[in-house]
């Protein structure tokens, strides 16, 4: 899933962002085979508010399917994209949340970050331990 935004908040004021058009997403299972994913229907902001959206469809995925792509900073060379898989990421984050930070069901969990930084993925996965985060959202409502 790819998402874009047309407005951001800076210093408590809305800022219009340049239009971003996603032509398509390439998904590579291996270096030898790749397939282009079809462009999905883009719901408007108004349709999100009205509730006039298609039902969510959940599909099983394999352990090694891609979950997200992070980009290295390039401090030791050319920046690189790093594809993280579903299973390994969930296991690693669950371990870090349980053992390193002792997050539990009774906790409130927040880490100040943006969607472009790797800590965003870490913050979102904190709900797997039952912790409440202040960014709790419903995927079809703003």
N, C-alpha and C. Protein backbone atom coordinates (compact mmCIF):
# COMPACT_ATOMS: atom_id res chain seq x y z
N UNK A 1 0.85 -1.16 0.00
CA UNK A 1 0.00 0.00 0.00
C UNK A 1 0.90 1.23 0.00
N UNK A 2 0.58 2.18 -0.81
CA UNK A 2 1.29 3.45 -0.84
C UNK A 2 0.33 4.55 -0.45
N UNK A 3 0.81 5.48 0.33
CA UNK A 3 -0.04 6.61 0.71
C UNK A 3 0.70 7.91 0.43
N UNK A 4 -0.05 8.94 0.17
CA UNK A 4 0.53 10.26 -0.02
C UNK A 4 -0.33 11.27 0.73
N UNK A 5 0.19 12.46 0.90
CA UNK A 5 -0.56 13.52 1.57
C UNK A 5 -0.48 14.79 0.73
N UNK A 6 -1.52 15.60 0.79
CA UNK A 6 -1.52 16.86 0.04
C UNK A 6 -1.34 18.07 0.96
N UNK A 7 -1.43 17.84 2.28
CA UNK A 7 -1.28 18.94 3.24
C UNK A 7 -0.46 18.43 4.42
N UNK A 8 0.42 19.28 4.93
CA UNK A 8 1.17 18.97 6.15
C UNK A 8 0.96 20.13 7.12
N UNK A 9 1.28 19.91 8.37
CA UNK A 9 1.18 20.96 9.38
C UNK A 9 2.59 21.37 9.77
N UNK A 10 2.89 22.66 9.64
CA UNK A 10 4.19 23.18 10.05
C UNK A 10 3.95 24.41 10.90
N UNK A 11 4.49 24.39 12.11
CA UNK A 11 4.29 25.49 13.04
C UNK A 11 2.79 25.79 13.21
N UNK A 12 2.00 24.73 13.32
CA UNK A 12 0.55 24.79 13.55
C UNK A 12 -0.23 25.40 12.39
N UNK A 13 0.38 25.50 11.23
CA UNK A 13 -0.29 26.04 10.05
C UNK A 13 -0.29 25.00 8.94
N UNK A 14 -1.41 24.86 8.21
CA UNK A 14 -1.42 23.91 7.09
C UNK A 14 -0.54 24.41 5.94
N UNK A 15 0.22 23.50 5.36
CA UNK A 15 1.09 23.80 4.22
C UNK A 15 0.70 22.87 3.09
N UNK A 16 0.38 23.42 1.92
CA UNK A 16 0.03 22.59 0.77
C UNK A 16 1.29 21.97 0.19
N UNK A 17 1.24 20.65 -0.02
CA UNK A 17 2.38 19.93 -0.58
C UNK A 17 2.21 19.78 -2.08
N UNK A 18 3.30 19.63 -2.81
CA UNK A 18 3.17 19.41 -4.25
C UNK A 18 2.44 18.10 -4.52
N UNK A 19 1.73 18.04 -5.62
CA UNK A 19 0.97 16.84 -5.98
C UNK A 19 1.92 15.69 -6.28
N UNK A 20 1.66 14.56 -5.68
CA UNK A 20 2.46 13.36 -5.92
C UNK A 20 1.55 12.33 -6.58
N UNK A 21 1.95 11.84 -7.70
CA UNK A 21 1.17 10.83 -8.42
C UNK A 21 1.97 9.54 -8.44
N UNK A 22 1.40 8.49 -7.93
CA UNK A 22 2.06 7.19 -7.95
C UNK A 22 1.59 6.45 -9.19
N UNK A 23 2.51 6.18 -10.08
CA UNK A 23 2.17 5.50 -11.33
C UNK A 23 1.99 4.01 -11.12
N UNK A 24 2.67 3.45 -10.19
CA UNK A 24 2.55 2.02 -9.94
C UNK A 24 3.59 1.59 -8.93
N UNK A 25 3.46 0.40 -8.45
CA UNK A 25 4.40 -0.15 -7.48
C UNK A 25 4.95 -1.44 -8.05
N UNK A 26 6.24 -1.58 -8.00
CA UNK A 26 6.88 -2.82 -8.44
C UNK A 26 7.19 -3.65 -7.22
N UNK A 27 6.79 -4.90 -7.27
CA UNK A 27 7.02 -5.80 -6.14
C UNK A 27 7.92 -6.91 -6.63
N UNK A 28 9.07 -7.07 -6.03
CA UNK A 28 10.05 -8.07 -6.48
C UNK A 28 10.16 -9.17 -5.45
N UNK A 29 9.78 -10.37 -5.84
CA UNK A 29 9.98 -11.53 -4.98
C UNK A 29 11.43 -11.99 -5.05
N UNK A 30 12.03 -11.83 -6.19
CA UNK A 30 13.43 -12.18 -6.37
C UNK A 30 14.00 -11.25 -7.43
N UNK A 31 15.29 -11.34 -7.62
CA UNK A 31 15.92 -10.48 -8.64
C UNK A 31 15.53 -10.92 -10.05
N UNK A 32 15.08 -12.14 -10.20
CA UNK A 32 14.73 -12.63 -11.53
C UNK A 32 13.30 -12.33 -11.95
N UNK A 33 12.41 -12.22 -10.99
CA UNK A 33 11.00 -12.01 -11.33
C UNK A 33 10.45 -10.81 -10.59
N UNK A 34 9.70 -10.02 -11.28
CA UNK A 34 8.98 -8.93 -10.62
C UNK A 34 7.66 -8.76 -11.32
N UNK A 35 6.71 -8.22 -10.64
CA UNK A 35 5.41 -7.99 -11.25
C UNK A 35 4.92 -6.61 -10.84
N UNK A 36 4.23 -5.98 -11.73
CA UNK A 36 3.70 -4.66 -11.44
C UNK A 36 2.33 -4.82 -10.79
N UNK A 37 2.15 -4.17 -9.68
CA UNK A 37 0.86 -4.21 -9.01
C UNK A 37 -0.05 -3.17 -9.63
N UNK A 38 -1.29 -3.53 -9.78
CA UNK A 38 -2.26 -2.62 -10.40
C UNK A 38 -2.48 -1.41 -9.50
N UNK A 39 -2.73 -0.28 -10.13
CA UNK A 39 -3.02 0.94 -9.37
C UNK A 39 -4.38 0.78 -8.69
N UNK A 40 -4.42 1.09 -7.43
CA UNK A 40 -5.69 0.96 -6.71
C UNK A 40 -6.51 2.23 -6.88
N UNK A 41 -7.78 2.10 -6.61
CA UNK A 41 -8.67 3.26 -6.67
C UNK A 41 -8.29 4.22 -5.55
N UNK A 42 -8.19 5.49 -5.88
CA UNK A 42 -7.78 6.49 -4.89
C UNK A 42 -9.02 7.13 -4.27
N UNK A 43 -9.32 6.82 -3.00
CA UNK A 43 -10.47 7.47 -2.37
C UNK A 43 -10.17 8.94 -2.08
N UNK A 44 -11.16 9.77 -2.18
CA UNK A 44 -10.99 11.19 -1.88
C UNK A 44 -11.14 11.41 -0.37
N UNK A 45 -10.69 12.55 0.09
CA UNK A 45 -10.84 12.91 1.49
C UNK A 45 -12.31 12.94 1.89
N UNK A 46 -13.14 13.48 0.99
CA UNK A 46 -14.57 13.56 1.27
C UNK A 46 -15.18 12.17 1.44
N UNK A 47 -14.76 11.21 0.61
CA UNK A 47 -15.31 9.86 0.75
C UNK A 47 -14.85 9.22 2.06
N UNK A 48 -13.67 9.58 2.54
CA UNK A 48 -13.22 9.08 3.84
C UNK A 48 -14.11 9.60 4.96
N UNK A 49 -14.47 10.87 4.87
CA UNK A 49 -15.32 11.47 5.89
C UNK A 49 -16.74 10.93 5.85
N UNK A 50 -17.24 10.64 4.66
CA UNK A 50 -18.63 10.19 4.53
C UNK A 50 -18.79 8.70 4.84
N UNK A 51 -17.69 7.97 4.86
CA UNK A 51 -17.78 6.54 5.13
C UNK A 51 -18.09 5.73 3.89
N UNK A 52 -18.08 6.35 2.72
CA UNK A 52 -18.41 5.68 1.46
C UNK A 52 -17.15 5.04 0.88
N UNK A 53 -16.66 4.00 1.55
CA UNK A 53 -15.43 3.35 1.13
C UNK A 53 -15.64 1.85 0.98
N UNK A 54 -14.83 1.21 0.16
CA UNK A 54 -14.95 -0.24 0.02
C UNK A 54 -14.53 -0.94 1.32
N UNK A 55 -15.04 -2.13 1.52
CA UNK A 55 -14.69 -2.90 2.72
C UNK A 55 -13.23 -3.32 2.66
N UNK A 56 -12.60 -3.39 3.83
CA UNK A 56 -11.22 -3.86 3.88
C UNK A 56 -11.17 -5.33 3.53
N UNK A 57 -10.12 -5.72 2.83
CA UNK A 57 -9.93 -7.12 2.47
C UNK A 57 -8.57 -7.56 3.01
N UNK A 58 -8.57 -8.51 3.91
CA UNK A 58 -7.33 -9.00 4.50
C UNK A 58 -6.94 -10.28 3.79
N UNK A 59 -5.67 -10.38 3.45
CA UNK A 59 -5.17 -11.56 2.75
C UNK A 59 -3.96 -12.11 3.50
N UNK A 60 -3.88 -13.45 3.61
CA UNK A 60 -2.70 -14.05 4.25
C UNK A 60 -1.44 -13.73 3.44
N UNK A 61 -0.36 -13.53 4.12
CA UNK A 61 0.93 -13.27 3.48
C UNK A 61 1.95 -14.24 4.04
N UNK A 62 3.01 -14.47 3.30
CA UNK A 62 4.03 -15.39 3.77
C UNK A 62 5.01 -14.65 4.69
N UNK A 63 5.76 -15.41 5.46
CA UNK A 63 6.70 -14.88 6.44
C UNK A 63 7.68 -13.90 5.82
N UNK A 64 8.18 -14.20 4.63
CA UNK A 64 9.22 -13.39 4.00
C UNK A 64 8.72 -12.33 3.03
N UNK A 65 7.42 -12.15 2.92
CA UNK A 65 6.90 -11.09 2.05
C UNK A 65 7.39 -9.73 2.56
N UNK A 66 7.57 -8.75 1.66
CA UNK A 66 8.05 -7.44 2.10
C UNK A 66 7.01 -6.69 2.93
N UNK A 67 7.48 -6.00 3.96
CA UNK A 67 6.62 -5.19 4.82
C UNK A 67 6.83 -3.70 4.55
N UNK A 68 8.08 -3.27 4.53
CA UNK A 68 8.37 -1.86 4.22
C UNK A 68 9.80 -1.75 3.71
N UNK A 69 10.10 -0.60 3.11
CA UNK A 69 11.44 -0.32 2.61
C UNK A 69 11.99 0.87 3.39
N UNK A 70 13.19 0.70 3.91
CA UNK A 70 13.90 1.81 4.56
C UNK A 70 15.10 2.16 3.69
N UNK A 71 15.51 3.40 3.77
CA UNK A 71 16.65 3.86 2.99
C UNK A 71 17.79 4.22 3.93
N UNK A 72 18.99 3.72 3.61
CA UNK A 72 20.15 4.07 4.42
C UNK A 72 20.50 5.53 4.19
N UNK A 73 21.23 6.10 5.12
CA UNK A 73 21.57 7.52 5.01
C UNK A 73 22.67 7.78 4.01
N UNK A 74 23.44 6.78 3.67
CA UNK A 74 24.54 6.98 2.75
C UNK A 74 25.79 7.50 3.41
N UNK A 75 25.89 7.39 4.74
CA UNK A 75 27.07 7.93 5.43
C UNK A 75 28.34 7.17 5.08
N UNK A 76 28.23 5.91 4.69
CA UNK A 76 29.42 5.13 4.34
C UNK A 76 29.44 4.78 2.86
N UNK A 77 28.69 5.48 2.07
CA UNK A 77 28.64 5.21 0.63
C UNK A 77 27.33 5.71 0.06
N UNK A 78 26.96 5.16 -1.07
CA UNK A 78 25.72 5.56 -1.73
C UNK A 78 24.53 5.07 -0.90
N UNK A 79 23.49 5.90 -0.70
CA UNK A 79 22.30 5.43 0.02
C UNK A 79 21.69 4.21 -0.66
N UNK A 80 21.18 3.28 0.13
CA UNK A 80 20.61 2.05 -0.39
C UNK A 80 19.21 1.85 0.18
N UNK A 81 18.36 1.17 -0.59
CA UNK A 81 17.06 0.79 -0.04
C UNK A 81 17.19 -0.60 0.55
N UNK A 82 16.55 -0.82 1.69
CA UNK A 82 16.62 -2.08 2.41
C UNK A 82 15.19 -2.56 2.60
N UNK A 83 14.86 -3.72 2.03
CA UNK A 83 13.52 -4.28 2.14
C UNK A 83 13.45 -5.13 3.40
N UNK A 84 12.49 -4.83 4.27
CA UNK A 84 12.29 -5.59 5.50
C UNK A 84 11.08 -6.50 5.33
N UNK A 85 11.22 -7.76 5.75
CA UNK A 85 10.15 -8.73 5.62
C UNK A 85 9.18 -8.69 6.79
N UNK A 86 8.01 -9.27 6.58
CA UNK A 86 6.94 -9.27 7.58
C UNK A 86 7.35 -10.02 8.85
N UNK A 87 7.69 -11.29 8.71
CA UNK A 87 7.95 -12.14 9.87
C UNK A 87 9.12 -11.68 10.72
N UNK A 88 10.26 -11.43 10.08
CA UNK A 88 11.45 -11.00 10.81
C UNK A 88 11.24 -9.69 11.54
N UNK A 89 10.55 -8.76 10.89
CA UNK A 89 10.29 -7.46 11.51
C UNK A 89 9.40 -7.62 12.74
N UNK A 90 8.32 -8.40 12.62
CA UNK A 90 7.41 -8.58 13.75
C UNK A 90 8.10 -9.26 14.93
N UNK A 91 8.92 -10.27 14.65
CA UNK A 91 9.64 -10.95 15.73
C UNK A 91 10.64 -10.00 16.39
N UNK A 92 11.41 -9.27 15.59
CA UNK A 92 12.40 -8.34 16.14
C UNK A 92 11.75 -7.25 16.97
N UNK A 93 10.68 -6.66 16.45
CA UNK A 93 10.01 -5.59 17.19
C UNK A 93 9.36 -6.12 18.47
N UNK A 94 8.75 -7.30 18.41
CA UNK A 94 8.15 -7.88 19.62
C UNK A 94 9.22 -8.12 20.68
N UNK A 95 10.37 -8.61 20.26
CA UNK A 95 11.49 -8.83 21.20
C UNK A 95 11.94 -7.51 21.81
N UNK A 96 12.14 -6.49 20.98
CA UNK A 96 12.60 -5.20 21.49
C UNK A 96 11.58 -4.57 22.43
N UNK A 97 10.30 -4.64 22.08
CA UNK A 97 9.27 -4.05 22.92
C UNK A 97 9.15 -4.79 24.25
N UNK A 98 9.28 -6.11 24.24
CA UNK A 98 9.12 -6.89 25.46
C UNK A 98 10.37 -6.85 26.34
N UNK A 99 11.53 -7.08 25.74
CA UNK A 99 12.75 -7.23 26.54
C UNK A 99 13.54 -5.93 26.74
N UNK A 100 13.60 -5.10 25.73
CA UNK A 100 14.43 -3.90 25.82
C UNK A 100 13.70 -2.73 26.48
N UNK A 101 12.40 -2.62 26.23
CA UNK A 101 11.67 -1.46 26.76
C UNK A 101 10.57 -1.84 27.74
N UNK A 102 10.32 -3.14 27.92
CA UNK A 102 9.34 -3.62 28.90
C UNK A 102 7.95 -3.01 28.70
N UNK A 103 7.55 -2.88 27.44
CA UNK A 103 6.22 -2.35 27.12
C UNK A 103 5.18 -3.42 27.42
N UNK A 104 4.09 -3.03 28.08
CA UNK A 104 3.02 -3.98 28.38
C UNK A 104 1.66 -3.34 28.14
N UNK A 105 0.62 -4.11 28.40
CA UNK A 105 -0.76 -3.68 28.16
C UNK A 105 -1.15 -2.42 28.92
N UNK A 106 -0.57 -2.20 30.06
CA UNK A 106 -0.93 -1.05 30.89
C UNK A 106 -0.18 0.23 30.51
N UNK A 107 0.69 0.15 29.53
CA UNK A 107 1.54 1.29 29.17
C UNK A 107 0.95 2.15 28.07
N UNK A 108 1.37 3.40 28.09
CA UNK A 108 1.15 4.33 26.97
C UNK A 108 2.48 4.44 26.27
N UNK A 109 2.48 4.32 24.97
CA UNK A 109 3.72 4.22 24.22
C UNK A 109 3.78 5.30 23.15
N UNK A 110 4.79 6.18 23.24
CA UNK A 110 4.93 7.23 22.23
C UNK A 110 6.41 7.47 21.96
N UNK A 111 6.72 7.66 20.70
CA UNK A 111 8.06 8.03 20.28
C UNK A 111 7.89 9.10 19.22
N UNK A 112 8.41 10.28 19.44
CA UNK A 112 8.24 11.36 18.47
C UNK A 112 9.04 11.04 17.21
N UNK A 113 8.34 10.92 16.09
CA UNK A 113 8.99 10.55 14.83
C UNK A 113 8.11 10.97 13.67
N UNK A 114 8.61 10.79 12.49
CA UNK A 114 7.83 11.01 11.27
C UNK A 114 7.72 9.70 10.52
N UNK A 115 6.83 9.63 9.56
CA UNK A 115 6.64 8.39 8.78
C UNK A 115 7.90 8.01 8.00
N UNK A 116 8.76 8.96 7.72
CA UNK A 116 9.95 8.68 6.93
C UNK A 116 11.12 8.12 7.72
N UNK A 117 11.01 8.07 9.04
CA UNK A 117 12.10 7.57 9.86
C UNK A 117 11.76 6.16 10.32
N UNK A 118 12.77 5.32 10.52
CA UNK A 118 12.54 3.93 10.89
C UNK A 118 11.80 3.78 12.22
N UNK A 119 11.86 4.76 13.08
CA UNK A 119 11.18 4.66 14.37
C UNK A 119 9.66 4.68 14.24
N UNK A 120 9.15 5.17 13.09
CA UNK A 120 7.70 5.13 12.85
C UNK A 120 7.22 3.68 12.86
N UNK A 121 7.91 2.80 12.15
CA UNK A 121 7.53 1.39 12.08
C UNK A 121 7.62 0.75 13.47
N UNK A 122 8.62 1.13 14.22
CA UNK A 122 8.79 0.62 15.57
C UNK A 122 7.66 1.08 16.48
N UNK A 123 7.25 2.34 16.35
CA UNK A 123 6.14 2.88 17.14
C UNK A 123 4.84 2.16 16.82
N UNK A 124 4.54 2.01 15.54
CA UNK A 124 3.28 1.39 15.13
C UNK A 124 3.20 -0.06 15.61
N UNK A 125 4.32 -0.78 15.57
CA UNK A 125 4.30 -2.19 15.98
C UNK A 125 4.20 -2.36 17.49
N UNK A 126 4.30 -1.29 18.26
CA UNK A 126 4.16 -1.38 19.72
C UNK A 126 2.80 -1.87 20.16
N UNK A 127 1.81 -1.71 19.30
CA UNK A 127 0.47 -2.19 19.65
C UNK A 127 0.41 -3.71 19.73
N UNK A 128 1.39 -4.40 19.17
CA UNK A 128 1.43 -5.87 19.26
C UNK A 128 1.61 -6.33 20.71
N UNK A 129 2.16 -5.47 21.56
CA UNK A 129 2.31 -5.78 22.98
C UNK A 129 1.10 -5.31 23.79
N UNK A 130 0.12 -4.72 23.12
CA UNK A 130 -1.07 -4.27 23.80
C UNK A 130 -0.98 -2.86 24.35
N UNK A 131 0.15 -2.19 24.15
CA UNK A 131 0.30 -0.82 24.65
C UNK A 131 -0.55 0.13 23.82
N UNK A 132 -1.03 1.17 24.47
CA UNK A 132 -1.81 2.19 23.77
C UNK A 132 -0.86 3.28 23.30
N UNK A 133 -0.99 3.67 22.04
CA UNK A 133 -0.19 4.81 21.58
C UNK A 133 -1.13 5.95 21.21
N UNK A 134 -0.68 7.18 21.34
CA UNK A 134 -1.57 8.32 21.08
C UNK A 134 -1.91 8.49 19.60
N UNK A 135 -1.32 7.68 18.74
CA UNK A 135 -1.59 7.77 17.31
C UNK A 135 -2.61 6.74 16.86
N UNK A 136 -3.30 6.13 17.79
CA UNK A 136 -4.26 5.08 17.44
C UNK A 136 -5.23 5.60 16.42
N UNK A 137 -5.41 4.89 15.36
CA UNK A 137 -6.27 5.34 14.27
C UNK A 137 -7.08 4.19 13.72
N UNK A 138 -8.09 4.53 12.99
CA UNK A 138 -8.90 3.56 12.25
C UNK A 138 -8.59 3.78 10.78
N UNK A 139 -8.25 2.73 10.03
CA UNK A 139 -7.73 2.93 8.68
C UNK A 139 -8.67 3.59 7.68
N UNK A 140 -9.96 3.64 7.96
CA UNK A 140 -10.89 4.23 7.00
C UNK A 140 -11.50 5.54 7.47
N UNK A 141 -11.00 6.05 8.58
CA UNK A 141 -11.52 7.32 9.08
C UNK A 141 -10.35 8.22 9.45
N UNK A 142 -10.43 9.51 9.16
CA UNK A 142 -9.33 10.41 9.55
C UNK A 142 -9.34 10.65 11.06
